[in-house]
Amino acid sequence: MKTVQTDIRVRYQETDNMGVVYYANYLVWFEVARAEYLRSLGTSYRQLEEKGMFMMVVSASCQYKYPARYDDIVNIQASIPEIKNSSLKFDYNLLVGDKVIATGESVHVLTNKEKRPIRITDELKSLLCPDLAKAKKNS
């Protein structure tokens, strides 16, 4: 499974008055990781949207294990373990050093401009998750 890693340095504005990253920022970091995942494939959210395809978030969750703090370098690992007809799921692992500080997932439905679900083409599936496409061809 393809995994793309992105590093983020925790900014002071992302912490609360106890010096711990505010929980909602993890979801923002998920979005950063998704954008970098697409860029690693030679595309972007912008290019998909210019083609009339939008990845609407329909669910997101995060399990917090240890706090991230100001100036930590957080390594976000993003992968796509599942693609269905019109939806896909991203998994995330967030680490500071070797310590997993959080895990999460988000589910997205591919829609058109009218926010109606559309089918994820085999071409797009192959682009987003080459390993899943290869496994399907070989079975």
C-alpha atoms as a PDB file:
ATOM      1  CA  MET A   1       0.000   0.000   0.000  1.00  0.00           C
ATOM      2  CA  LYS A   2       1.355   3.414  -0.980  1.00  0.00           C
ATOM      3  CA  THR A   3       2.111   5.648   1.995  1.00  0.00           C
ATOM      4  CA  VAL A   4       3.050   9.311   1.689  1.00  0.00           C
ATOM      5  CA  GLN A   5       4.790  11.081   4.551  1.00  0.00           C
ATOM      6  CA  THR A   6       4.516  14.763   5.361  1.00  0.00           C
ATOM      7  CA  ASP A   7       6.263  16.633   8.180  1.00  0.00           C
ATOM      8  CA  ILE A   8       4.681  19.543  10.011  1.00  0.00           C
ATOM      9  CA  ARG A   9       6.313  21.634  12.723  1.00  0.00           C
ATOM     10  CA  VAL A  10       3.775  22.509  15.408  1.00  0.00           C
ATOM     11  CA  ARG A  11       3.188  26.250  15.448  1.00  0.00           C
ATOM     12  CA  TYR A  12       2.435  28.130  18.649  1.00  0.00           C
ATOM     13  CA  GLN A  13      -0.996  29.132  17.344  1.00  0.00           C
ATOM     14  CA  GLU A  14      -1.936  25.437  17.110  1.00  0.00           C
ATOM     15  CA  THR A  15      -1.546  24.913  20.858  1.00  0.00           C
ATOM     16  CA  ASP A  16      -3.839  25.647  23.772  1.00  0.00           C
ATOM     17  CA  ASN A  17      -2.852  27.446  26.972  1.00  0.00           C
ATOM     18  CA  MET A  18      -1.342  24.182  28.271  1.00  0.00           C
ATOM     19  CA  GLY A  19       1.057  24.024  25.312  1.00  0.00           C
ATOM     20  CA  VAL A  20      -0.684  21.019  23.783  1.00  0.00           C
ATOM     21  CA  VAL A  21      -1.936  20.932  20.189  1.00  0.00           C
ATOM     22  CA  TYR A  22      -5.650  21.703  20.085  1.00  0.00           C
ATOM     23  CA  TYR A  23      -7.505  18.554  18.987  1.00  0.00           C
ATOM     24  CA  ALA A  24      -9.181  20.022  15.871  1.00  0.00           C
ATOM     25  CA  ASN A  25      -5.794  20.792  14.311  1.00  0.00           C
ATOM     26  CA  TYR A  26      -5.255  17.088  13.709  1.00  0.00           C
ATOM     27  CA  LEU A  27      -8.094  17.149  11.164  1.00  0.00           C
ATOM     28  CA  VAL A  28      -6.416  20.111   9.435  1.00  0.00           C
ATOM     29  CA  TRP A  29      -3.208  18.080   9.304  1.00  0.00           C
ATOM     30  CA  PHE A  30      -5.140  15.192   7.738  1.00  0.00           C
ATOM     31  CA  GLU A  31      -6.124  17.556   4.917  1.00  0.00           C
ATOM     32  CA  VAL A  32      -2.498  18.638   4.467  1.00  0.00           C
ATOM     33  CA  ALA A  33      -1.499  14.965   4.214  1.00  0.00           C
ATOM     34  CA  ARG A  34      -4.246  14.250   1.639  1.00  0.00           C
ATOM     35  CA  ALA A  35      -3.108  17.165  -0.508  1.00  0.00           C
ATOM     36  CA  GLU A  36       0.496  15.929  -0.368  1.00  0.00           C
ATOM     37  CA  TYR A  37      -0.655  12.401  -1.191  1.00  0.00           C
ATOM     38  CA  LEU A  38      -2.296  13.711  -4.374  1.00  0.00           C
ATOM     39  CA  ARG A  39       0.758  15.831  -5.239  1.00  0.00           C
ATOM     40  CA  SER A  40       2.978  12.753  -4.895  1.00  0.00           C
ATOM     41  CA  LEU A  41       0.873  11.175  -7.657  1.00  0.00           C
ATOM     42  CA  GLY A  42       1.348  14.156  -9.964  1.00  0.00           C
ATOM     43  CA  THR A  43      -2.092  15.657  -9.417  1.00  0.00           C
ATOM     44  CA  SER A  44      -3.812  17.965  -6.930  1.00  0.00           C
ATOM     45  CA  TYR A  45      -7.185  18.854  -5.494  1.00  0.00           C
ATOM     46  CA  ARG A  46      -7.235  21.793  -7.904  1.00  0.00           C
ATOM     47  CA  GLN A  47      -6.701  19.558 -10.943  1.00  0.00           C
ATOM     48  CA  LEU A  48      -9.423  17.147  -9.841  1.00  0.00           C
ATOM     49  CA  GLU A  49     -11.825  20.028  -9.258  1.00  0.00           C
ATOM     50  CA  GLU A  50     -11.014  21.517 -12.669  1.00  0.00           C
ATOM     51  CA  LYS A  51     -12.162  18.156 -14.090  1.00  0.00           C
ATOM     52  CA  GLY A  52     -15.431  18.427 -12.119  1.00  0.00           C
ATOM     53  CA  MET A  53     -14.475  15.967  -9.355  1.00  0.00           C
ATOM     54  CA  PHE A  54     -14.728  16.910  -5.684  1.00  0.00           C
ATOM     55  CA  MET A  55     -13.685  14.783  -2.700  1.00  0.00           C
ATOM     56  CA  MET A  56     -16.344  15.511  -0.084  1.00  0.00           C
ATOM     57  CA  VAL A  57     -15.530  14.437   3.480  1.00  0.00           C
ATOM     58  CA  VAL A  58     -18.391  12.334   4.873  1.00  0.00           C
ATOM     59  CA  SER A  59     -16.691  11.145   8.057  1.00  0.00           C
ATOM     60  CA  ALA A  60     -13.480  11.701   9.969  1.00  0.00           C
ATOM     61  CA  SER A  61     -12.129  10.318  13.214  1.00  0.00           C
ATOM     62  CA  CYS A  62      -8.973  10.646  15.256  1.00  0.00           C
ATOM     63  CA  GLN A  63      -7.685   8.623  18.177  1.00  0.00           C
ATOM     64  CA  TYR A  64      -5.352  10.668  20.356  1.00  0.00           C
ATOM     65  CA  LYS A  65      -2.622   8.696  22.124  1.00  0.00           C
ATOM     66  CA  TYR A  66      -0.036  11.276  23.241  1.00  0.00           C
ATOM     67  CA  PRO A  67       0.014  15.062  22.997  1.00  0.00           C
ATOM     68  CA  ALA A  68       1.928  16.990  20.378  1.00  0.00           C
ATOM     69  CA  ARG A  69       3.482  20.196  21.653  1.00  0.00           C
ATOM     70  CA  TYR A  70       4.816  23.459  20.295  1.00  0.00           C
ATOM     71  CA  ASP A  71       7.828  23.027  17.985  1.00  0.00           C
ATOM     72  CA  ASP A  72       7.464  19.232  17.686  1.00  0.00           C
ATOM     73  CA  ILE A  73       7.974  17.805  14.210  1.00  0.00           C
ATOM     74  CA  VAL A  74       4.924  15.686  13.460  1.00  0.00           C
ATOM     75  CA  ASN A  75       5.321  13.092  10.706  1.00  0.00           C
ATOM     76  CA  ILE A  76       1.963  12.342   9.083  1.00  0.00           C
ATOM     77  CA  GLN A  77       1.701   9.119   7.121  1.00  0.00           C
ATOM     78  CA  ALA A  78      -1.281   8.903   4.767  1.00  0.00           C
ATOM     79  CA  SER A  79      -2.485   5.931   2.747  1.00  0.00           C
ATOM     80  CA  ILE A  80      -5.605   4.783   0.926  1.00  0.00           C
ATOM     81  CA  PRO A  81      -6.575   1.297   2.104  1.00  0.00           C
ATOM     82  CA  GLU A  82      -9.937   1.210   0.348  1.00  0.00           C
ATOM     83  CA  ILE A  83     -11.618   2.540  -2.781  1.00  0.00           C
ATOM     84  CA  LYS A  84     -15.227   1.720  -3.614  1.00  0.00           C
ATOM     85  CA  ASN A  85     -17.496   2.790  -6.483  1.00  0.00           C
ATOM     86  CA  SER A  86     -17.832   6.415  -5.394  1.00  0.00           C
ATOM     87  CA  SER A  87     -15.972   6.595  -2.076  1.00  0.00           C
ATOM     88  CA  LEU A  88     -12.491   6.168  -0.693  1.00  0.00           C
ATOM     89  CA  LYS A  89     -10.879   6.028   2.714  1.00  0.00           C
ATOM     90  CA  PHE A  90      -7.634   7.565   3.911  1.00  0.00           C
ATOM     91  CA  ASP A  91      -5.774   6.227   6.959  1.00  0.00           C
ATOM     92  CA  TYR A  92      -3.374   8.398   8.967  1.00  0.00           C
ATOM     93  CA  ASN A  93      -0.590   7.710  11.443  1.00  0.00           C
ATOM     94  CA  LEU A  94       0.971  10.684  13.210  1.00  0.00           C
ATOM     95  CA  LEU A  95       4.354  10.321  14.872  1.00  0.00           C
ATOM     96  CA  VAL A  96       6.742  12.469  16.853  1.00  0.00           C
ATOM     97  CA  GLY A  97      10.052  10.692  16.486  1.00  0.00           C
ATOM     98  CA  ASP A  98       9.241   6.982  16.731  1.00  0.00           C
ATOM     99  CA  LYS A  99       6.202   7.503  18.972  1.00  0.00           C
ATOM    100  CA  VAL A 100       2.722   7.211  17.444  1.00  0.00           C
ATOM    101  CA  ILE A 101       0.789  10.150  18.872  1.00  0.00           C
ATOM    102  CA  ALA A 102      -2.457   9.700  16.944  1.00  0.00           C
ATOM    103  CA  THR A 103      -4.184   7.612  14.306  1.00  0.00           C
ATOM    104  CA  GLY A 104      -7.193   8.449  12.219  1.00  0.00           C
ATOM    105  CA  GLU A 105      -9.205   8.029   9.086  1.00  0.00           C
ATOM    106  CA  SER A 106     -11.410  10.003   6.762  1.00  0.00           C
ATOM    107  CA  VAL A 107     -13.964   8.796   4.243  1.00  0.00           C
ATOM    108  CA  HIS A 108     -14.681  10.806   1.098  1.00  0.00           C
ATOM    109  CA  VAL A 109     -17.340  10.615  -1.579  1.00  0.00           C
ATOM    110  CA  LEU A 110     -16.394  11.743  -5.061  1.00  0.00           C
ATOM    111  CA  THR A 111     -19.019  14.214  -6.271  1.00  0.00           C
ATOM    112  CA  ASN A 112     -19.726  16.496  -9.201  1.00  0.00           C
ATOM    113  CA  LYS A 113     -20.215  20.274  -8.913  1.00  0.00           C
ATOM    114  CA  GLU A 114     -23.848  19.690  -7.910  1.00  0.00           C
ATOM    115  CA  LYS A 115     -22.594  17.629  -4.946  1.00  0.00           C
ATOM    116  CA  ARG A 116     -24.038  14.419  -6.380  1.00  0.00           C
ATOM    117  CA  PRO A 117     -21.949  11.250  -6.026  1.00  0.00           C
ATOM    118  CA  ILE A 118     -20.141  10.113  -9.148  1.00  0.00           C
ATOM    119  CA  ARG A 119     -18.371   6.874  -9.974  1.00  0.00           C
ATOM    120  CA  ILE A 120     -14.628   6.688  -9.420  1.00  0.00           C
ATOM    121  CA  THR A 121     -13.255   5.595 -12.778  1.00  0.00           C
ATOM    122  CA  ASP A 122     -10.770   2.730 -13.046  1.00  0.00           C
ATOM    123  CA  GLU A 123      -8.243   5.286 -14.295  1.00  0.00           C
ATOM    124  CA  LEU A 124      -8.669   7.415 -11.164  1.00  0.00           C
ATOM    125  CA  LYS A 125      -8.564   4.316  -8.929  1.00  0.00           C
ATOM    126  CA  SER A 126      -5.265   3.299 -10.560  1.00  0.00           C
ATOM    127  CA  LEU A 127      -3.866   6.790 -10.014  1.00  0.00           C
ATOM    128  CA  LEU A 128      -4.978   7.071  -6.380  1.00  0.00           C
ATOM    129  CA  CYS A 129      -3.996   3.606  -5.285  1.00  0.00           C
ATOM    130  CA  PRO A 130      -1.803   1.737  -7.744  1.00  0.00           C
ATOM    131  CA  ASP A 131      -1.363  -1.214  -5.350  1.00  0.00           C
ATOM    132  CA  LEU A 132      -5.111  -1.856  -5.127  1.00  0.00           C
ATOM    133  CA  ALA A 133      -5.436  -1.594  -8.907  1.00  0.00           C
ATOM    134  CA  LYS A 134      -2.595  -4.119  -9.425  1.00  0.00           C
ATOM    135  CA  ALA A 135      -4.112  -6.547  -6.929  1.00  0.00           C
ATOM    136  CA  LYS A 136      -7.473  -6.356  -8.690  1.00  0.00           C
ATOM    137  CA  LYS A 137      -5.874  -7.029 -12.110  1.00  0.00           C
ATOM    138  CA  ASN A 138      -3.973 -10.033 -10.771  1.00  0.00           C
ATOM    139  CA  SER A 139      -7.013 -11.650  -9.174  1.00  0.00           C
END
